[in-house]
Protein backbone atom coordinates (compact mmCIF):
# COMPACT_ATOMS: atom_id res chain seq x y z
CA MET A 1 0.00 0.00 0.00
CA SER A 2 1.27 3.46 -0.85
CA ARG A 3 0.82 6.79 0.89
CA ARG A 4 0.81 10.27 -0.69
CA PHE A 5 2.98 13.00 0.85
CA TYR A 6 2.31 16.70 0.17
CA TYR A 7 4.89 19.51 -0.03
CA ALA A 8 5.04 22.99 1.54
CA LYS A 9 7.80 25.52 2.14
CA LEU A 10 9.01 26.33 5.66
CA ASP A 11 8.88 30.08 5.09
CA PHE A 12 10.30 31.69 8.26
CA ASN A 13 10.07 35.42 8.92
CA ALA A 14 11.36 34.96 12.48
CA GLN A 15 13.10 32.12 14.28
CA VAL A 16 13.12 31.90 18.06
CA THR A 17 15.84 29.90 19.80
CA SER A 18 17.36 29.78 23.25
CA VAL A 19 20.78 30.37 21.67
CA THR A 20 21.66 33.94 20.72
CA ASP A 21 23.65 34.18 17.50
CA ALA A 22 23.93 36.25 14.35
CA THR A 23 22.83 33.48 12.00
CA GLY A 24 20.32 34.69 9.46
CA VAL A 25 16.75 33.46 9.35
CA GLY A 26 16.45 30.27 7.33
CA GLY A 27 19.99 29.02 7.90
CA LYS A 28 20.34 25.27 8.39
CA ALA A 29 21.64 25.36 11.98
CA LYS A 30 19.07 27.92 13.07
CA THR A 31 16.22 26.02 11.45
CA GLN A 32 17.32 22.81 13.13
CA GLN A 33 17.59 24.46 16.55
CA THR A 34 14.26 26.25 16.16
CA LEU A 35 12.33 23.15 15.09
CA ASP A 36 13.92 21.06 17.83
CA GLU A 37 12.81 23.50 20.52
CA PHE A 38 9.37 23.93 18.95
CA PHE A 39 8.71 20.19 18.80
CA ASN A 40 9.87 19.63 22.36
CA ALA A 41 7.90 22.42 24.04
CA ASP A 42 6.17 20.56 26.88
CA ASP A 43 3.24 22.96 27.10
CA LEU A 44 2.58 23.12 23.38
CA VAL A 45 -1.15 22.75 22.70
CA ILE A 46 -2.72 24.27 19.59
CA GLU A 47 -6.46 24.81 19.59
CA SER A 48 -7.70 24.84 16.01
CA GLY A 49 -10.96 23.81 14.42
CA GLY A 50 -12.39 22.51 17.68
CA ALA A 51 -9.49 20.10 18.13
CA GLU A 52 -6.34 20.01 20.26
CA TRP A 53 -3.21 19.56 18.15
CA ARG A 54 0.02 18.07 19.52
CA PHE A 55 3.36 16.73 18.34
CA GLY A 56 4.20 13.10 18.96
CA ALA A 57 7.61 11.51 18.70
CA THR A 58 10.29 13.04 16.46
CA ARG A 59 13.57 11.63 15.11
CA ASP A 60 16.53 13.62 13.82
CA HIS A 61 18.49 12.02 10.97
CA ASN A 62 22.15 12.94 10.70
CA ASN A 63 21.44 16.66 11.26
CA GLU A 64 19.88 16.66 7.77
CA PHE A 65 16.16 16.44 8.51
CA VAL A 66 13.67 15.53 11.20
CA VAL A 67 10.69 13.19 10.96
CA GLY A 68 7.77 13.17 13.33
CA ASN A 69 4.07 12.88 14.02
CA PHE A 70 1.67 15.82 14.23
CA GLY A 71 -1.96 15.20 14.99
CA LYS A 72 -5.09 16.17 16.83
CA LEU A 73 -7.30 14.99 19.66
CA PHE A 74 -11.02 15.43 19.13
CA GLU A 75 -14.37 14.27 20.49
CA ASP A 76 -16.05 11.51 18.50
CA GLU A 77 -19.53 10.05 18.93
CA PRO A 78 -19.37 6.57 17.39
CA THR A 79 -22.53 5.08 15.89
CA THR A 80 -23.26 1.38 16.34
CA TYR A 81 -26.14 -0.92 15.43
CA ASP A 82 -28.26 -2.30 18.27
CA GLU A 83 -29.62 -5.63 17.03
CA SER A 84 -32.04 -6.01 19.95
CA ARG A 85 -33.71 -2.71 19.07
CA GLY A 86 -33.12 -2.93 15.33
CA LYS A 87 -31.70 0.55 14.93
CA PHE A 88 -28.54 2.61 14.87
CA VAL A 89 -27.60 4.25 18.16
CA THR A 90 -25.05 6.91 19.07
CA GLU A 91 -22.64 5.97 21.82
CA ASP A 92 -21.21 8.35 24.41
CA ALA A 93 -18.57 10.72 23.07
CA GLU A 94 -14.98 9.60 23.46
CA GLN A 95 -11.67 11.31 22.76
CA VAL A 96 -9.79 9.88 19.81
CA ALA A 97 -6.60 10.88 17.99
CA GLU A 98 -5.36 11.03 14.43
CA ALA A 99 -1.86 11.99 13.33
CA SER A 100 0.07 12.73 10.15
CA MET A 101 3.69 11.77 9.51
CA PHE A 102 6.03 14.51 8.32
CA LEU A 103 9.61 15.15 7.25
CA ALA A 104 11.10 18.66 7.66
CA HIS A 105 14.39 19.36 5.87
CA TYR A 106 16.74 21.84 7.59
CA ALA A 107 18.80 23.09 4.64
CA MET A 108 16.13 23.02 1.92
CA ASN A 109 13.43 24.52 4.19
CA PHE A 110 10.56 22.31 3.10
CA ILE A 111 8.14 20.02 4.89
CA VAL A 112 6.43 17.00 3.36
CA PHE A 113 3.55 15.29 5.14
CA THR A 114 0.64 12.90 4.84
CA GLN A 115 -3.00 13.77 5.09
CA ARG A 116 -5.42 11.58 7.00
CA GLN A 117 -9.15 11.06 6.93
CA ARG A 118 -9.67 13.98 9.33
CA ILE A 119 -6.45 15.89 8.63
CA GLY A 120 -6.45 17.47 5.18
CA TYR A 121 -3.37 19.18 3.82
CA ASN A 122 -4.92 22.61 4.43
CA GLN A 123 -5.63 21.72 8.05
CA PHE A 124 -2.08 20.45 8.55
CA VAL A 125 -0.32 23.62 7.36
CA GLU A 126 -2.76 25.91 9.16
CA ALA A 127 -2.37 24.12 12.50
CA PHE A 128 1.42 23.73 12.15
CA SER A 129 2.01 27.42 11.36
CA LYS A 130 -0.50 28.61 13.96
CA GLY A 131 1.22 26.47 16.58
CA TYR A 132 4.65 27.87 15.72
CA ASN A 133 3.44 31.46 15.69
CA GLU A 134 1.73 31.10 19.07
CA TRP A 135 4.77 29.36 20.53
CA SER A 136 7.21 31.96 19.19
CA GLY A 137 5.01 34.90 20.17
CA VAL A 138 5.66 36.48 16.76
CA PRO A 139 2.63 36.89 14.45
CA GLU A 140 3.25 35.51 10.96
CA ALA A 141 6.65 34.18 12.04
CA LEU A 142 6.07 31.08 9.92
CA THR A 143 3.91 30.38 6.90
CA LEU A 144 3.74 27.14 4.96
CA PRO A 145 2.89 27.97 1.33
CA PHE A 146 2.26 24.89 -0.76
CA ILE A 147 4.89 24.04 -3.32
CA THR A 148 3.38 24.20 -6.80
CA PRO A 149 3.78 21.14 -9.02
CA THR A 150 5.56 23.25 -11.62
CA ASP A 151 6.50 20.32 -13.83
CA GLU A 152 2.80 19.55 -14.34
CA LEU A 153 2.10 23.21 -15.14
CA GLU A 154 4.97 23.24 -17.62
CA ARG A 155 3.69 20.04 -19.26
CA ILE A 156 0.21 21.53 -19.69
CA ILE A 157 1.55 24.74 -21.22
CA ASP A 158 3.95 22.89 -23.56
CA GLN A 159 1.84 19.91 -24.62
CA THR A 160 -1.86 20.85 -24.58
CA LYS A 161 -4.23 23.42 -26.05
CA VAL A 162 -4.62 26.10 -23.39
CA ARG A 163 -7.97 27.91 -23.58
CA VAL A 164 -8.04 29.95 -20.34
CA LEU A 165 -5.38 31.40 -18.04
CA ASN A 166 -6.52 33.23 -14.89
CA PHE A 167 -3.72 34.74 -12.79
CA ASP A 168 -3.71 36.17 -9.26
CA LEU A 169 -0.43 38.03 -8.78
CA GLU A 170 1.12 40.18 -6.06
CA PRO A 171 4.36 42.21 -6.06
CA THR A 172 7.51 40.41 -4.97
CA ASN A 173 9.56 41.29 -1.91
CA PRO A 174 12.30 42.21 -2.36
CA PHE A 175 13.61 41.02 -5.74
CA PRO A 176 11.89 39.08 -8.53
CA GLN A 177 13.40 36.45 -10.79
CA ASP A 178 14.50 37.63 -14.24
CA GLY A 179 11.36 36.43 -16.03
CA MET A 180 9.16 38.23 -13.51
CA GLN A 181 10.97 41.56 -13.37
CA GLU A 182 9.12 43.62 -15.99
CA LEU A 183 5.65 42.60 -14.81
CA ASP A 184 6.69 42.99 -11.17
CA GLU A 185 7.79 46.59 -11.82
CA GLU A 186 4.42 47.35 -13.44
CA ILE A 187 2.55 45.98 -10.43
CA LYS A 188 4.68 48.03 -8.05
CA ASN A 189 4.28 51.18 -10.18
CA MET A 190 0.52 50.76 -9.88
CA LYS A 191 0.98 50.49 -6.11
CA ALA A 192 -1.24 47.44 -6.34
CA GLU A 193 -1.32 44.81 -3.63
CA GLU A 194 -2.82 42.28 -6.03
CA VAL A 195 -3.44 42.05 -9.77
CA GLU A 196 -5.70 39.71 -11.74
CA LEU A 197 -4.86 38.84 -15.33
CA ASP A 198 -7.29 36.85 -17.49
CA ALA A 199 -6.71 35.48 -20.98
CA GLU A 200 -9.12 33.32 -23.01
CA ALA A 201 -9.11 31.96 -26.56
CA ASP A 202 -11.25 29.22 -28.11
CA GLY A 203 -8.48 28.36 -30.50
CA GLY A 204 -5.79 28.13 -27.83
CA LEU A 205 -3.50 30.75 -26.34
CA ASN A 206 0.06 31.41 -27.42
CA PRO A 207 2.18 30.33 -24.45
CA GLU A 208 5.26 32.02 -25.95
CA ASN A 209 3.77 35.48 -25.39
CA GLU A 210 6.13 37.46 -23.16
CA LEU A 211 3.39 38.75 -20.85
CA LEU A 212 1.99 35.25 -20.30
CA GLN A 213 5.51 33.88 -19.77
CA SER A 214 6.15 36.53 -17.12
CA ALA A 215 2.85 35.76 -15.38
CA LEU A 216 3.61 32.03 -15.50
CA ALA A 217 6.95 32.73 -13.82
CA PHE A 218 4.97 34.36 -10.97
CA ALA A 219 2.71 31.30 -10.78
CA GLU A 220 5.71 29.10 -10.03
CA THR A 221 6.45 31.12 -6.87
CA LYS A 222 4.56 32.12 -3.73
CA TYR A 223 3.78 35.49 -5.40
CA GLY A 224 1.29 34.11 -7.89
CA ASP A 225 -1.36 31.51 -8.64
CA VAL A 226 -2.90 30.46 -11.93
CA LYS A 227 -5.94 28.51 -13.05
CA VAL A 228 -5.50 26.80 -16.42
CA VAL A 229 -8.36 25.42 -18.51
CA TYR A 230 -6.95 23.21 -21.26
CA GLU A 231 -7.95 20.59 -23.79
CA GLU A 232 -6.29 17.19 -23.96
CA ASN A 233 -7.48 14.06 -25.76
CA ASN A 234 -10.67 15.89 -26.76
CA GLU A 235 -11.54 16.50 -23.11
CA THR A 236 -11.48 19.74 -21.10
CA HIS A 237 -9.51 19.78 -17.86
CA GLU A 238 -8.68 22.35 -15.18
CA PHE A 239 -5.45 22.78 -13.23
CA ASN A 240 -5.22 25.27 -10.35
CA THR A 241 -2.04 25.95 -8.38
CA LYS A 242 -4.20 26.95 -5.38
CA SER A 243 -6.05 23.67 -5.18
CA VAL A 244 -3.56 20.82 -4.85
CA PRO A 245 0.07 21.04 -3.70
CA ALA A 246 2.85 19.00 -5.25
CA SER A 247 2.98 15.46 -3.93
CA THR A 248 4.82 12.15 -4.09
CA ARG A 249 3.68 8.61 -3.37
CA ILE A 250 5.90 6.15 -1.54
CA SER A 251 5.32 2.78 0.08
CA GLU A 252 3.49 3.56 3.33
CA PRO A 253 5.96 3.86 6.23
CA SER A 254 5.12 1.73 9.26
CA ASN A 255 6.88 4.07 11.73
CA LEU A 256 9.31 6.99 11.86
CA GLU A 257 12.38 4.79 11.37
CA ASP A 258 10.74 3.34 8.27
CA LEU A 259 9.99 6.87 7.02
CA ILE A 260 13.70 7.71 7.35
CA ALA A 261 14.54 4.57 5.36
CA LYS A 262 12.10 5.61 2.61
CA SER A 263 12.96 9.33 2.62
CA ARG A 264 15.18 9.52 -0.47
CA PRO A 265 12.32 9.70 -3.07
CA LEU A 266 10.69 12.47 -1.02
CA ILE A 267 13.89 14.51 -0.95
CA ASN A 268 14.64 13.85 -4.63
CA ARG A 269 11.20 15.16 -5.59
CA ALA A 270 11.74 18.28 -3.43
CA GLU A 271 15.02 18.94 -5.26
CA GLN A 272 13.14 18.82 -8.59
CA LEU A 273 10.40 21.14 -7.34
CA LEU A 274 12.74 23.68 -5.76
CA GLU A 275 15.45 23.87 -8.41
């Protein structure tokens, strides 16, 4: 049986550690120290969505990455069937738990994790970042933007008939990539906090257009999202960078040690996504 793991960036604006040093935010040693202290905070309880979120066991691997469990405790009212009465009955509420496995990489600043029946990928990143921000005492100290499956976006643009492109863009901070620079300057000159760009064509759009290429460069970063409506094999499909983060399937790990043993495909995929 396989298990799908989803990718997000560990995007730190502030890192709180017990060690005072001049290391910049996002450095490997500082990220490792910060995560270690965060995971081991004895009083850490995150209230989110009516559930109590906690970290379980964690394992560091060769000062390269850490694996662990992050899950929630919630009240559940199980329903059973009473044969003597011939009907379904609701039992007394009981507290149950569900947890996701994760791997957080110190140098590459990404986290990859599983979703569960009651822990979707949106819930995971929201609870994880909320917990860190409450623990650090710094609002917006950590966000976890999903990593876009850019190779799928590139395949769609290169190999299918694209009918619709809808972009949501915001100015970069501080410096854009080369392909984004001209459009980024226009957004900043407008003093706009957000810009929408829509393009539609029944006969298919020209993906080589410089404006569309610049907007697509935004869509491959945290500063932009794009919805693509395209035609492939005489069927219409939709791809949205907001909807589903990049992911990888591996054979389901039985425990944290097994996750470490199966970690290489997860890291290899991250290298492809972040290059």
